[in-house]
Amino acid sequence: MSHDQNFKNLFLDYPLASLAFFAGEEAETIPPTAKITPVRQEQLKKRLGDRFREL
């Protein structure tokens, strides 16, 4: 797994903390009980293979 993928996984694993770090003002308005559902813009690499990266 690449460094970039590990970094992206941090956002998926800790969405509220990521928002607080990068957009603190906006994160303050989100209640801690809110469910944050990330929308992926890329296919999972396991599904695409090593050479195919088209969306």
PDB file of N, CA and C in Angstrom:
ATOM      1  N   MET A   1       0.852  -1.175   0.000  1.00  0.00           N
ATOM      2  CA  MET A   1       0.000   0.000   0.000  1.00  0.00           C
ATOM      3  C   MET A   1       0.896   1.236   0.000  1.00  0.00           C
ATOM      4  N   SER A   2       0.544   2.204  -0.811  1.00  0.00           N
ATOM      5  CA  SER A   2       1.373   3.396  -0.967  1.00  0.00           C
ATOM      6  C   SER A   2       1.152   4.393   0.169  1.00  0.00           C
ATOM      7  N   HIS A   3       2.082   5.321   0.268  1.00  0.00           N
ATOM      8  CA  HIS A   3       1.980   6.384   1.266  1.00  0.00           C
ATOM      9  C   HIS A   3       0.717   7.210   1.039  1.00  0.00           C
ATOM     10  N   ASP A   4       0.405   7.496  -0.232  1.00  0.00           N
ATOM     11  CA  ASP A   4      -0.798   8.267  -0.551  1.00  0.00           C
ATOM     12  C   ASP A   4      -2.053   7.551  -0.079  1.00  0.00           C
ATOM     13  N   GLN A   5      -2.110   6.245  -0.282  1.00  0.00           N
ATOM     14  CA  GLN A   5      -3.280   5.482   0.134  1.00  0.00           C
ATOM     15  C   GLN A   5      -3.406   5.481   1.652  1.00  0.00           C
ATOM     16  N   ASN A   6      -2.294   5.370   2.350  1.00  0.00           N
ATOM     17  CA  ASN A   6      -2.330   5.428   3.814  1.00  0.00           C
ATOM     18  C   ASN A   6      -2.864   6.771   4.285  1.00  0.00           C
ATOM     19  N   PHE A   7      -2.454   7.842   3.619  1.00  0.00           N
ATOM     20  CA  PHE A   7      -2.920   9.178   3.976  1.00  0.00           C
ATOM     21  C   PHE A   7      -4.423   9.298   3.741  1.00  0.00           C
ATOM     22  N   LYS A   8      -4.902   8.775   2.610  1.00  0.00           N
ATOM     23  CA  LYS A   8      -6.337   8.808   2.317  1.00  0.00           C
ATOM     24  C   LYS A   8      -7.124   8.006   3.345  1.00  0.00           C
ATOM     25  N   ASN A   9      -6.551   6.899   3.796  1.00  0.00           N
ATOM     26  CA  ASN A   9      -7.241   6.075   4.786  1.00  0.00           C
ATOM     27  C   ASN A   9      -7.417   6.806   6.111  1.00  0.00           C
ATOM     28  N   LEU A  10      -6.520   7.717   6.433  1.00  0.00           N
ATOM     29  CA  LEU A  10      -6.689   8.509   7.653  1.00  0.00           C
ATOM     30  C   LEU A  10      -7.979   9.318   7.599  1.00  0.00           C
ATOM     31  N   PHE A  11      -8.288   9.875   6.426  1.00  0.00           N
ATOM     32  CA  PHE A  11      -9.529  10.630   6.270  1.00  0.00           C
ATOM     33  C   PHE A  11     -10.742   9.725   6.414  1.00  0.00           C
ATOM     34  N   LEU A  12     -10.639   8.505   5.913  1.00  0.00           N
ATOM     35  CA  LEU A  12     -11.760   7.570   6.007  1.00  0.00           C
ATOM     36  C   LEU A  12     -11.944   7.065   7.430  1.00  0.00           C
ATOM     37  N   ASP A  13     -10.839   6.849   8.135  1.00  0.00           N
ATOM     38  CA  ASP A  13     -10.908   6.322   9.498  1.00  0.00           C
ATOM     39  C   ASP A  13     -11.253   7.392  10.532  1.00  0.00           C
ATOM     40  N   TYR A  14     -10.839   8.623  10.290  1.00  0.00           N
ATOM     41  CA  TYR A  14     -11.054   9.714  11.245  1.00  0.00           C
ATOM     42  C   TYR A  14     -11.622  10.941  10.533  1.00  0.00           C
ATOM     43  N   PRO A  15     -12.850  10.862  10.020  1.00  0.00           N
ATOM     44  CA  PRO A  15     -13.383  11.971   9.216  1.00  0.00           C
ATOM     45  C   PRO A  15     -13.573  13.265  10.000  1.00  0.00           C
ATOM     46  N   LEU A  16     -14.097  13.193  11.209  1.00  0.00           N
ATOM     47  CA  LEU A  16     -14.342  14.420  11.973  1.00  0.00           C
ATOM     48  C   LEU A  16     -13.028  15.070  12.404  1.00  0.00           C
ATOM     49  N   ALA A  17     -12.069  14.268  12.809  1.00  0.00           N
ATOM     50  CA  ALA A  17     -10.759  14.810  13.183  1.00  0.00           C
ATOM     51  C   ALA A  17     -10.069  15.439  11.970  1.00  0.00           C
ATOM     52  N   SER A  18     -10.231  14.827  10.805  1.00  0.00           N
ATOM     53  CA  SER A  18      -9.652  15.386   9.579  1.00  0.00           C
ATOM     54  C   SER A  18     -10.290  16.724   9.241  1.00  0.00           C
ATOM     55  N   LEU A  19     -11.608  16.795   9.371  1.00  0.00           N
ATOM     56  CA  LEU A  19     -12.292  18.064   9.124  1.00  0.00           C
ATOM     57  C   LEU A  19     -11.846  19.128  10.117  1.00  0.00           C
ATOM     58  N   ALA A  20     -11.712  18.747  11.366  1.00  0.00           N
ATOM     59  CA  ALA A  20     -11.286  19.704  12.385  1.00  0.00           C
ATOM     60  C   ALA A  20      -9.881  20.231  12.083  1.00  0.00           C
ATOM     61  N   PHE A  21      -9.024  19.375  11.552  1.00  0.00           N
ATOM     62  CA  PHE A  21      -7.657  19.788  11.244  1.00  0.00           C
ATOM     63  C   PHE A  21      -7.600  20.701  10.023  1.00  0.00           C
ATOM     64  N   PHE A  22      -8.316  20.334   8.962  1.00  0.00           N
ATOM     65  CA  PHE A  22      -8.212  21.081   7.708  1.00  0.00           C
ATOM     66  C   PHE A  22      -9.259  22.177   7.550  1.00  0.00           C
ATOM     67  N   ALA A  23     -10.394  22.049   8.211  1.00  0.00           N
ATOM     68  CA  ALA A  23     -11.473  23.040   8.088  1.00  0.00           C
ATOM     69  C   ALA A  23     -12.134  23.199   9.453  1.00  0.00           C
ATOM     70  N   GLY A  24     -11.369  23.700  10.403  1.00  0.00           N
ATOM     71  CA  GLY A  24     -11.823  23.791  11.786  1.00  0.00           C
ATOM     72  C   GLY A  24     -13.118  24.554  11.979  1.00  0.00           C
ATOM     73  N   GLU A  25     -13.277  25.653  11.267  1.00  0.00           N
ATOM     74  CA  GLU A  25     -14.483  26.471  11.421  1.00  0.00           C
ATOM     75  C   GLU A  25     -15.734  25.702  10.998  1.00  0.00           C
ATOM     76  N   GLU A  26     -15.646  24.968   9.897  1.00  0.00           N
ATOM     77  CA  GLU A  26     -16.784  24.180   9.428  1.00  0.00           C
ATOM     78  C   GLU A  26     -17.042  22.984  10.335  1.00  0.00           C
ATOM     79  N   ALA A  27     -15.976  22.387  10.856  1.00  0.00           N
ATOM     80  CA  ALA A  27     -16.117  21.207  11.702  1.00  0.00           C
ATOM     81  C   ALA A  27     -16.827  21.530  13.013  1.00  0.00           C
ATOM     82  N   GLU A  28     -16.705  22.757  13.476  1.00  0.00           N
ATOM     83  CA  GLU A  28     -17.354  23.147  14.732  1.00  0.00           C
ATOM     84  C   GLU A  28     -18.869  23.071  14.642  1.00  0.00           C
ATOM     85  N   THR A  29     -19.425  23.217  13.445  1.00  0.00           N
ATOM     86  CA  THR A  29     -20.883  23.206  13.283  1.00  0.00           C
ATOM     87  C   THR A  29     -21.452  21.797  13.132  1.00  0.00           C
ATOM     88  N   ILE A  30     -20.595  20.797  12.996  1.00  0.00           N
ATOM     89  CA  ILE A  30     -21.057  19.412  12.834  1.00  0.00           C
ATOM     90  C   ILE A  30     -21.135  18.757  14.208  1.00  0.00           C
ATOM     91  N   PRO A  31     -22.303  18.231  14.576  1.00  0.00           N
ATOM     92  CA  PRO A  31     -22.407  17.570  15.881  1.00  0.00           C
ATOM     93  C   PRO A  31     -21.580  16.284  15.908  1.00  0.00           C
ATOM     94  N   PRO A  32     -21.035  15.916  17.056  1.00  0.00           N
ATOM     95  CA  PRO A  32     -20.195  14.715  17.147  1.00  0.00           C
ATOM     96  C   PRO A  32     -20.949  13.425  16.816  1.00  0.00           C
ATOM     97  N   THR A  33     -22.266  13.462  16.887  1.00  0.00           N
ATOM     98  CA  THR A  33     -23.056  12.265  16.588  1.00  0.00           C
ATOM     99  C   THR A  33     -23.395  12.136  15.108  1.00  0.00           C
ATOM    100  N   ALA A  34     -23.009  13.121  14.299  1.00  0.00           N
ATOM    101  CA  ALA A  34     -23.316  13.092  12.866  1.00  0.00           C
ATOM    102  C   ALA A  34     -22.562  11.954  12.186  1.00  0.00           C
ATOM    103  N   LYS A  35     -23.217  11.338  11.214  1.00  0.00           N
ATOM    104  CA  LYS A  35     -22.577  10.275  10.439  1.00  0.00           C
ATOM    105  C   LYS A  35     -22.001  10.896   9.166  1.00  0.00           C
ATOM    106  N   ILE A  36     -20.714  10.767   8.987  1.00  0.00           N
ATOM    107  CA  ILE A  36     -20.039  11.319   7.817  1.00  0.00           C
ATOM    108  C   ILE A  36     -19.777  10.174   6.850  1.00  0.00           C
ATOM    109  N   THR A  37     -20.348  10.283   5.660  1.00  0.00           N
ATOM    110  CA  THR A  37     -20.176   9.254   4.641  1.00  0.00           C
ATOM    111  C   THR A  37     -19.303   9.806   3.523  1.00  0.00           C
ATOM    112  N   PRO A  38     -18.077   9.298   3.388  1.00  0.00           N
ATOM    113  CA  PRO A  38     -17.201   9.802   2.331  1.00  0.00           C
ATOM    114  C   PRO A  38     -17.652   9.307   0.961  1.00  0.00           C
ATOM    115  N   VAL A  39     -17.470  10.142  -0.033  1.00  0.00           N
ATOM    116  CA  VAL A  39     -17.770   9.780  -1.414  1.00  0.00           C
ATOM    117  C   VAL A  39     -16.437   9.598  -2.125  1.00  0.00           C
ATOM    118  N   ARG A  40     -16.193   8.400  -2.568  1.00  0.00           N
ATOM    119  CA  ARG A  40     -14.921   8.117  -3.245  1.00  0.00           C
ATOM    120  C   ARG A  40     -14.969   8.615  -4.678  1.00  0.00           C
ATOM    121  N   GLN A  41     -13.891   9.242  -5.119  1.00  0.00           N
ATOM    122  CA  GLN A  41     -13.790   9.716  -6.492  1.00  0.00           C
ATOM    123  C   GLN A  41     -12.944   8.785  -7.346  1.00  0.00           C
ATOM    124  N   GLU A  42     -12.462   7.722  -6.772  1.00  0.00           N
ATOM    125  CA  GLU A  42     -11.632   6.798  -7.530  1.00  0.00           C
ATOM    126  C   GLU A  42     -12.024   5.370  -7.186  1.00  0.00           C
ATOM    127  N   GLN A  43     -11.769   4.486  -8.100  1.00  0.00           N
ATOM    128  CA  GLN A  43     -12.041   3.079  -7.862  1.00  0.00           C
ATOM    129  C   GLN A  43     -10.972   2.514  -6.938  1.00  0.00           C
ATOM    130  N   LEU A  44     -11.312   1.462  -6.221  1.00  0.00           N
ATOM    131  CA  LEU A  44     -10.334   0.809  -5.373  1.00  0.00           C
ATOM    132  C   LEU A  44      -9.280   0.131  -6.243  1.00  0.00           C
ATOM    133  N   LYS A  45      -8.032   0.247  -5.858  1.00  0.00           N
ATOM    134  CA  LYS A  45      -6.943  -0.296  -6.659  1.00  0.00           C
ATOM    135  C   LYS A  45      -7.052  -1.813  -6.793  1.00  0.00           C
ATOM    136  N   LYS A  46      -7.522  -2.495  -5.769  1.00  0.00           N
ATOM    137  CA  LYS A  46      -7.661  -3.950  -5.834  1.00  0.00           C
ATOM    138  C   LYS A  46      -8.568  -4.354  -6.987  1.00  0.00           C
ATOM    139  N   ARG A  47      -9.569  -3.556  -7.237  1.00  0.00           N
ATOM    140  CA  ARG A  47     -10.516  -3.882  -8.295  1.00  0.00           C
ATOM    141  C   ARG A  47      -9.957  -3.548  -9.675  1.00  0.00           C
ATOM    142  N   LEU A  48      -9.174  -2.511  -9.758  1.00  0.00           N
ATOM    143  CA  LEU A  48      -8.680  -2.052 -11.051  1.00  0.00           C
ATOM    144  C   LEU A  48      -7.396  -2.738 -11.503  1.00  0.00           C
ATOM    145  N   GLY A  49      -6.607  -3.181 -10.586  1.00  0.00           N
ATOM    146  CA  GLY A  49      -5.306  -3.726 -10.953  1.00  0.00           C
ATOM    147  C   GLY A  49      -4.242  -2.646 -10.889  1.00  0.00           C
ATOM    148  N   ASP A  50      -3.023  -3.023 -11.120  1.00  0.00           N
ATOM    149  CA  ASP A  50      -1.905  -2.096 -10.956  1.00  0.00           C
ATOM    150  C   ASP A  50      -1.810  -1.050 -12.060  1.00  0.00           C
ATOM    151  N   ARG A  51      -2.212  -1.378 -13.275  1.00  0.00           N
ATOM    152  CA  ARG A  51      -1.974  -0.453 -14.388  1.00  0.00           C
ATOM    153  C   ARG A  51      -3.194   0.344 -14.800  1.00  0.00           C
ATOM    154  N   PHE A  52      -4.357  -0.028 -14.380  1.00  0.00           N
ATOM    155  CA  PHE A  52      -5.575   0.633 -14.825  1.00  0.00           C
ATOM    156  C   PHE A  52      -6.060   1.573 -13.740  1.00  0.00           C
ATOM    157  N   ARG A  53      -6.099   2.882 -14.008  1.00  0.00           N
ATOM    158  CA  ARG A  53      -6.485   3.855 -12.985  1.00  0.00           C
ATOM    159  C   ARG A  53      -7.558   4.814 -13.462  1.00  0.00           C
ATOM    160  N   GLU A  54      -8.262   4.476 -14.508  1.00  0.00           N
ATOM    161  CA  GLU A  54      -9.297   5.350 -15.044  1.00  0.00           C
ATOM    162  C   GLU A  54     -10.520   5.329 -14.141  1.00  0.00           C
ATOM    163  N   LEU A  55     -11.214   6.465 -14.023  1.00  0.00           N
ATOM    164  CA  LEU A  55     -12.420   6.526 -13.195  1.00  0.00           C
ATOM    165  C   LEU A  55     -13.588   5.892 -13.898  1.00  0.00           C
TER     166      LEU A  55
END
